[in-house]
């Protein structure tokens, strides 16, 4: 469930984007900062997703608000989804899938170094990378090539977000049940 909290800023952004990109960016930044600080004060660790979301939404809110106020809906969506994708790919490149920090909060320390635990986190992070890559591609098609309406791209993004969240919650449970049966 903590992983879902890590995505609250992203979900909030997605929901508010239809109202106003500026409101969506600032609200997502506020949520990311608040959740990140709360978690940091509890654990003394700044999670990759919390730090990345705070930086991404804060920088984009400042950029759109003060440097390029005319940034289009599609461009903002592309920047957010591309930024989230970059955060997740970086976590894999550093051999520290972003889901590990959340999974460790719900798992006994003796399981942290097991192959099953690590593989599960790589698979779940991989599912997020796939979802964000598809979302970013849809945003790029809608924004850069005008091949589809931006609203369709946003709708595709919400469906992929829901699918990735569902997979993140169900896959580890499935593996635990399968492992327990053997």
C-alpha atoms as a PDB file:
ATOM      1  CA  UNK A   1       0.000   0.000   0.000  1.00  0.00           C
ATOM      2  CA  UNK A   2       2.942   2.353   0.632  1.00  0.00           C
ATOM      3  CA  UNK A   3       3.817   2.133  -3.062  1.00  0.00           C
ATOM      4  CA  UNK A   4       0.393   3.555  -3.858  1.00  0.00           C
ATOM      5  CA  UNK A   5       1.197   6.517  -1.585  1.00  0.00           C
ATOM      6  CA  UNK A   6       4.356   7.103  -3.594  1.00  0.00           C
ATOM      7  CA  UNK A   7       2.188   7.588  -6.684  1.00  0.00           C
ATOM      8  CA  UNK A   8      -0.290   9.991  -5.075  1.00  0.00           C
ATOM      9  CA  UNK A   9       1.428  13.059  -6.610  1.00  0.00           C
ATOM     10  CA  UNK A  10       1.349  11.458 -10.053  1.00  0.00           C
ATOM     11  CA  UNK A  11      -2.290  10.391  -9.637  1.00  0.00           C
ATOM     12  CA  UNK A  12      -3.226  13.842  -8.337  1.00  0.00           C
ATOM     13  CA  UNK A  13      -1.497  15.416 -11.328  1.00  0.00           C
ATOM     14  CA  UNK A  14      -3.358  13.110 -13.733  1.00  0.00           C
ATOM     15  CA  UNK A  15      -6.736  13.904 -12.180  1.00  0.00           C
ATOM     16  CA  UNK A  16      -6.198  17.689 -11.959  1.00  0.00           C
ATOM     17  CA  UNK A  17      -4.568  18.045 -15.386  1.00  0.00           C
ATOM     18  CA  UNK A  18      -7.990  18.474 -17.010  1.00  0.00           C
ATOM     19  CA  UNK A  19      -8.735  21.376 -14.683  1.00  0.00           C
ATOM     20  CA  UNK A  20      -5.461  23.223 -15.182  1.00  0.00           C
ATOM     21  CA  UNK A  21      -1.889  22.125 -15.910  1.00  0.00           C
ATOM     22  CA  UNK A  22      -0.605  24.799 -13.504  1.00  0.00           C
ATOM     23  CA  UNK A  23      -2.851  23.687 -10.653  1.00  0.00           C
ATOM     24  CA  UNK A  24      -2.006  20.052 -11.395  1.00  0.00           C
ATOM     25  CA  UNK A  25       1.761  20.696 -11.284  1.00  0.00           C
ATOM     26  CA  UNK A  26       1.684  22.737  -8.074  1.00  0.00           C
ATOM     27  CA  UNK A  27      -0.671  20.315  -6.316  1.00  0.00           C
ATOM     28  CA  UNK A  28       1.484  17.360  -7.361  1.00  0.00           C
ATOM     29  CA  UNK A  29       4.611  19.174  -6.152  1.00  0.00           C
ATOM     30  CA  UNK A  30       2.967  19.932  -2.782  1.00  0.00           C
ATOM     31  CA  UNK A  31       1.844  16.312  -2.413  1.00  0.00           C
ATOM     32  CA  UNK A  32       5.256  14.927  -3.422  1.00  0.00           C
ATOM     33  CA  UNK A  33       7.079  17.234  -1.019  1.00  0.00           C
ATOM     34  CA  UNK A  34       4.696  16.492   1.863  1.00  0.00           C
ATOM     35  CA  UNK A  35       4.751  12.726   1.391  1.00  0.00           C
ATOM     36  CA  UNK A  36       8.508  12.694   0.820  1.00  0.00           C
ATOM     37  CA  UNK A  37       9.226  14.693   3.961  1.00  0.00           C
ATOM     38  CA  UNK A  38       6.821  12.612   6.043  1.00  0.00           C
ATOM     39  CA  UNK A  39       8.503   9.423   4.896  1.00  0.00           C
ATOM     40  CA  UNK A  40      11.990  10.880   5.333  1.00  0.00           C
ATOM     41  CA  UNK A  41      11.256  11.996   8.896  1.00  0.00           C
ATOM     42  CA  UNK A  42      10.019   8.488   9.721  1.00  0.00           C
ATOM     43  CA  UNK A  43      12.791   6.500   8.030  1.00  0.00           C
ATOM     44  CA  UNK A  44      15.705   8.918   7.479  1.00  0.00           C
ATOM     45  CA  UNK A  45      15.709   7.729   3.853  1.00  0.00           C
ATOM     46  CA  UNK A  46      14.539   9.782   0.886  1.00  0.00           C
ATOM     47  CA  UNK A  47      12.867   7.318  -1.445  1.00  0.00           C
ATOM     48  CA  UNK A  48      13.770   7.505  -5.124  1.00  0.00           C
ATOM     49  CA  UNK A  49      10.167   8.070  -6.183  1.00  0.00           C
ATOM     50  CA  UNK A  50       9.576  10.759  -3.533  1.00  0.00           C
ATOM     51  CA  UNK A  51      12.740  12.687  -4.353  1.00  0.00           C
ATOM     52  CA  UNK A  52      12.279  12.291  -8.086  1.00  0.00           C
ATOM     53  CA  UNK A  53       8.619  13.362  -7.981  1.00  0.00           C
ATOM     54  CA  UNK A  54       9.385  16.379  -5.818  1.00  0.00           C
ATOM     55  CA  UNK A  55      12.136  17.515  -8.176  1.00  0.00           C
ATOM     56  CA  UNK A  56      10.140  16.752 -11.334  1.00  0.00           C
ATOM     57  CA  UNK A  57       6.913  18.464 -10.313  1.00  0.00           C
ATOM     58  CA  UNK A  58       8.682  21.369  -8.605  1.00  0.00           C
ATOM     59  CA  UNK A  59      10.924  22.124 -11.571  1.00  0.00           C
ATOM     60  CA  UNK A  60       8.090  21.764 -14.069  1.00  0.00           C
ATOM     61  CA  UNK A  61       5.779  23.985 -11.989  1.00  0.00           C
ATOM     62  CA  UNK A  62       8.476  26.675 -11.811  1.00  0.00           C
ATOM     63  CA  UNK A  63       9.339  26.333 -15.500  1.00  0.00           C
ATOM     64  CA  UNK A  64       5.715  26.534 -16.642  1.00  0.00           C
ATOM     65  CA  UNK A  65       4.846  29.252 -14.143  1.00  0.00           C
ATOM     66  CA  UNK A  66       7.771  31.592 -14.678  1.00  0.00           C
ATOM     67  CA  UNK A  67       9.734  30.716 -17.811  1.00  0.00           C
ATOM     68  CA  UNK A  68       7.309  29.199 -20.320  1.00  0.00           C
ATOM     69  CA  UNK A  69       3.713  29.918 -19.228  1.00  0.00           C
ATOM     70  CA  UNK A  70       2.409  29.017 -22.689  1.00  0.00           C
ATOM     71  CA  UNK A  71       3.553  25.395 -22.402  1.00  0.00           C
ATOM     72  CA  UNK A  72       0.753  23.273 -23.861  1.00  0.00           C
ATOM     73  CA  UNK A  73      -1.284  20.611 -22.100  1.00  0.00           C
ATOM     74  CA  UNK A  74       0.367  17.934 -24.226  1.00  0.00           C
ATOM     75  CA  UNK A  75       3.883  19.222 -23.571  1.00  0.00           C
ATOM     76  CA  UNK A  76       3.322  19.191 -19.806  1.00  0.00           C
ATOM     77  CA  UNK A  77       1.917  15.662 -19.972  1.00  0.00           C
ATOM     78  CA  UNK A  78       4.866  14.522 -22.080  1.00  0.00           C
ATOM     79  CA  UNK A  79       7.358  16.096 -19.669  1.00  0.00           C
ATOM     80  CA  UNK A  80       5.753  14.507 -16.602  1.00  0.00           C
ATOM     81  CA  UNK A  81       5.433  11.035 -18.081  1.00  0.00           C
ATOM     82  CA  UNK A  82       8.904  11.218 -19.614  1.00  0.00           C
ATOM     83  CA  UNK A  83      10.329  12.429 -16.303  1.00  0.00           C
ATOM     84  CA  UNK A  84       8.678   9.617 -14.366  1.00  0.00           C
ATOM     85  CA  UNK A  85       9.983   7.140 -16.943  1.00  0.00           C
ATOM     86  CA  UNK A  86      13.510   8.533 -16.520  1.00  0.00           C
ATOM     87  CA  UNK A  87      13.288   8.175 -12.713  1.00  0.00           C
ATOM     88  CA  UNK A  88      12.270   4.532 -13.035  1.00  0.00           C
ATOM     89  CA  UNK A  89      14.878   3.676 -15.664  1.00  0.00           C
ATOM     90  CA  UNK A  90      17.554   5.340 -13.532  1.00  0.00           C
ATOM     91  CA  UNK A  91      16.529   3.188 -10.555  1.00  0.00           C
ATOM     92  CA  UNK A  92      16.985   0.069 -12.693  1.00  0.00           C
ATOM     93  CA  UNK A  93      20.294   1.300 -14.120  1.00  0.00           C
ATOM     94  CA  UNK A  94      21.549   1.826 -10.558  1.00  0.00           C
ATOM     95  CA  UNK A  95      20.457  -1.735  -9.668  1.00  0.00           C
ATOM     96  CA  UNK A  96      18.067  -0.363  -7.069  1.00  0.00           C
ATOM     97  CA  UNK A  97      14.530  -0.691  -8.503  1.00  0.00           C
ATOM     98  CA  UNK A  98      12.413   2.065  -6.975  1.00  0.00           C
ATOM     99  CA  UNK A  99       9.937  -0.504  -5.608  1.00  0.00           C
ATOM    100  CA  UNK A 100      12.590  -2.027  -3.299  1.00  0.00           C
ATOM    101  CA  UNK A 101      12.276   0.827  -0.813  1.00  0.00           C
ATOM    102  CA  UNK A 102       8.543   0.239  -0.459  1.00  0.00           C
ATOM    103  CA  UNK A 103       8.799  -3.556  -0.454  1.00  0.00           C
ATOM    104  CA  UNK A 104      11.390  -3.506   2.333  1.00  0.00           C
ATOM    105  CA  UNK A 105       8.907  -1.685   4.567  1.00  0.00           C
ATOM    106  CA  UNK A 106       6.537  -4.656   4.283  1.00  0.00           C
ATOM    107  CA  UNK A 107       9.018  -7.526   4.276  1.00  0.00           C
ATOM    108  CA  UNK A 108      11.256  -9.054   6.933  1.00  0.00           C
ATOM    109  CA  UNK A 109      14.934  -8.004   6.568  1.00  0.00           C
ATOM    110  CA  UNK A 110      16.081 -11.616   6.109  1.00  0.00           C
ATOM    111  CA  UNK A 111      14.127 -11.761   2.827  1.00  0.00           C
ATOM    112  CA  UNK A 112      15.655  -8.607   1.311  1.00  0.00           C
ATOM    113  CA  UNK A 113      18.598 -10.390  -0.295  1.00  0.00           C
ATOM    114  CA  UNK A 114      16.709 -13.392  -1.623  1.00  0.00           C
ATOM    115  CA  UNK A 115      16.556 -13.863  -5.385  1.00  0.00           C
ATOM    116  CA  UNK A 116      12.736 -13.993  -5.318  1.00  0.00           C
ATOM    117  CA  UNK A 117      12.473 -10.654  -3.502  1.00  0.00           C
ATOM    118  CA  UNK A 118      14.885  -8.914  -5.858  1.00  0.00           C
ATOM    119  CA  UNK A 119      13.369 -10.468  -8.985  1.00  0.00           C
ATOM    120  CA  UNK A 120       9.846  -9.474  -7.861  1.00  0.00           C
ATOM    121  CA  UNK A 121      10.951  -5.859  -7.521  1.00  0.00           C
ATOM    122  CA  UNK A 122      12.665  -5.871 -10.893  1.00  0.00           C
ATOM    123  CA  UNK A 123       9.487  -7.266 -12.502  1.00  0.00           C
ATOM    124  CA  UNK A 124       7.197  -4.740 -10.795  1.00  0.00           C
ATOM    125  CA  UNK A 125       9.525  -1.862 -11.676  1.00  0.00           C
ATOM    126  CA  UNK A 126       9.705  -3.239 -15.228  1.00  0.00           C
ATOM    127  CA  UNK A 127       5.907  -3.147 -15.427  1.00  0.00           C
ATOM    128  CA  UNK A 128       6.009   0.525 -14.424  1.00  0.00           C
ATOM    129  CA  UNK A 129       8.704   1.234 -17.000  1.00  0.00           C
ATOM    130  CA  UNK A 130       6.582  -0.441 -19.698  1.00  0.00           C
ATOM    131  CA  UNK A 131       3.478   1.524 -18.690  1.00  0.00           C
ATOM    132  CA  UNK A 132       5.354   4.843 -18.566  1.00  0.00           C
ATOM    133  CA  UNK A 133       7.099   4.117 -21.878  1.00  0.00           C
ATOM    134  CA  UNK A 134       3.715   3.521 -23.527  1.00  0.00           C
ATOM    135  CA  UNK A 135       2.283   6.647 -21.895  1.00  0.00           C
ATOM    136  CA  UNK A 136       5.253   8.723 -23.022  1.00  0.00           C
ATOM    137  CA  UNK A 137       4.979   7.350 -26.570  1.00  0.00           C
ATOM    138  CA  UNK A 138       1.261   8.219 -26.667  1.00  0.00           C
ATOM    139  CA  UNK A 139       2.036  11.717 -25.343  1.00  0.00           C
ATOM    140  CA  UNK A 140       4.758  12.180 -27.941  1.00  0.00           C
ATOM    141  CA  UNK A 141       2.413  11.072 -30.723  1.00  0.00           C
ATOM    142  CA  UNK A 142      -0.273  13.475 -29.525  1.00  0.00           C
ATOM    143  CA  UNK A 143       2.063  16.399 -28.844  1.00  0.00           C
ATOM    144  CA  UNK A 144       4.788  16.189 -31.437  1.00  0.00           C
ATOM    145  CA  UNK A 145       3.151  14.426 -34.353  1.00  0.00           C
ATOM    146  CA  UNK A 146      -0.523  15.300 -33.826  1.00  0.00           C
ATOM    147  CA  UNK A 147      -1.402  11.680 -34.609  1.00  0.00           C
ATOM    148  CA  UNK A 148      -4.036  11.569 -31.852  1.00  0.00           C
ATOM    149  CA  UNK A 149      -5.888  13.995 -29.588  1.00  0.00           C
ATOM    150  CA  UNK A 150      -4.091  14.865 -26.348  1.00  0.00           C
ATOM    151  CA  UNK A 151      -7.225  13.888 -24.413  1.00  0.00           C
ATOM    152  CA  UNK A 152      -6.955  10.366 -25.854  1.00  0.00           C
ATOM    153  CA  UNK A 153      -3.313  10.267 -24.793  1.00  0.00           C
ATOM    154  CA  UNK A 154      -4.332  11.337 -21.268  1.00  0.00           C
ATOM    155  CA  UNK A 155      -7.059   8.670 -21.170  1.00  0.00           C
ATOM    156  CA  UNK A 156      -4.585   6.014 -22.302  1.00  0.00           C
ATOM    157  CA  UNK A 157      -2.273   7.206 -19.544  1.00  0.00           C
ATOM    158  CA  UNK A 158      -4.936   6.817 -16.860  1.00  0.00           C
ATOM    159  CA  UNK A 159      -5.747   3.275 -18.017  1.00  0.00           C
ATOM    160  CA  UNK A 160      -2.049   2.317 -18.044  1.00  0.00           C
ATOM    161  CA  UNK A 161      -1.570   3.919 -14.619  1.00  0.00           C
ATOM    162  CA  UNK A 162      -4.445   1.847 -13.221  1.00  0.00           C
ATOM    163  CA  UNK A 163      -3.043  -1.308 -14.837  1.00  0.00           C
ATOM    164  CA  UNK A 164       0.449  -0.724 -13.420  1.00  0.00           C
ATOM    165  CA  UNK A 165      -0.954  -0.017  -9.941  1.00  0.00           C
ATOM    166  CA  UNK A 166      -3.089  -3.147 -10.069  1.00  0.00           C
ATOM    167  CA  UNK A 167      -0.146  -5.266 -11.212  1.00  0.00           C
ATOM    168  CA  UNK A 168       2.077  -3.775  -8.475  1.00  0.00           C
ATOM    169  CA  UNK A 169      -0.401  -4.764  -5.798  1.00  0.00           C
ATOM    170  CA  UNK A 170      -1.360  -8.195  -7.125  1.00  0.00           C
ATOM    171  CA  UNK A 171       1.863  -9.677  -8.499  1.00  0.00           C
ATOM    172  CA  UNK A 172       3.707  -9.962  -5.150  1.00  0.00           C
ATOM    173  CA  UNK A 173       0.613 -11.545  -3.557  1.00  0.00           C
ATOM    174  CA  UNK A 174       0.387 -14.025  -6.435  1.00  0.00           C
ATOM    175  CA  UNK A 175       4.062 -14.970  -5.989  1.00  0.00           C
ATOM    176  CA  UNK A 176       3.688 -15.398  -2.215  1.00  0.00           C
ATOM    177  CA  UNK A 177       0.694 -17.685  -2.695  1.00  0.00           C
ATOM    178  CA  UNK A 178       2.460 -19.686  -5.401  1.00  0.00           C
ATOM    179  CA  UNK A 179       5.617 -19.951  -3.314  1.00  0.00           C
ATOM    180  CA  UNK A 180       3.628 -21.045  -0.253  1.00  0.00           C
ATOM    181  CA  UNK A 181       1.878 -23.759  -2.292  1.00  0.00           C
ATOM    182  CA  UNK A 182       5.235 -25.307  -3.211  1.00  0.00           C
END
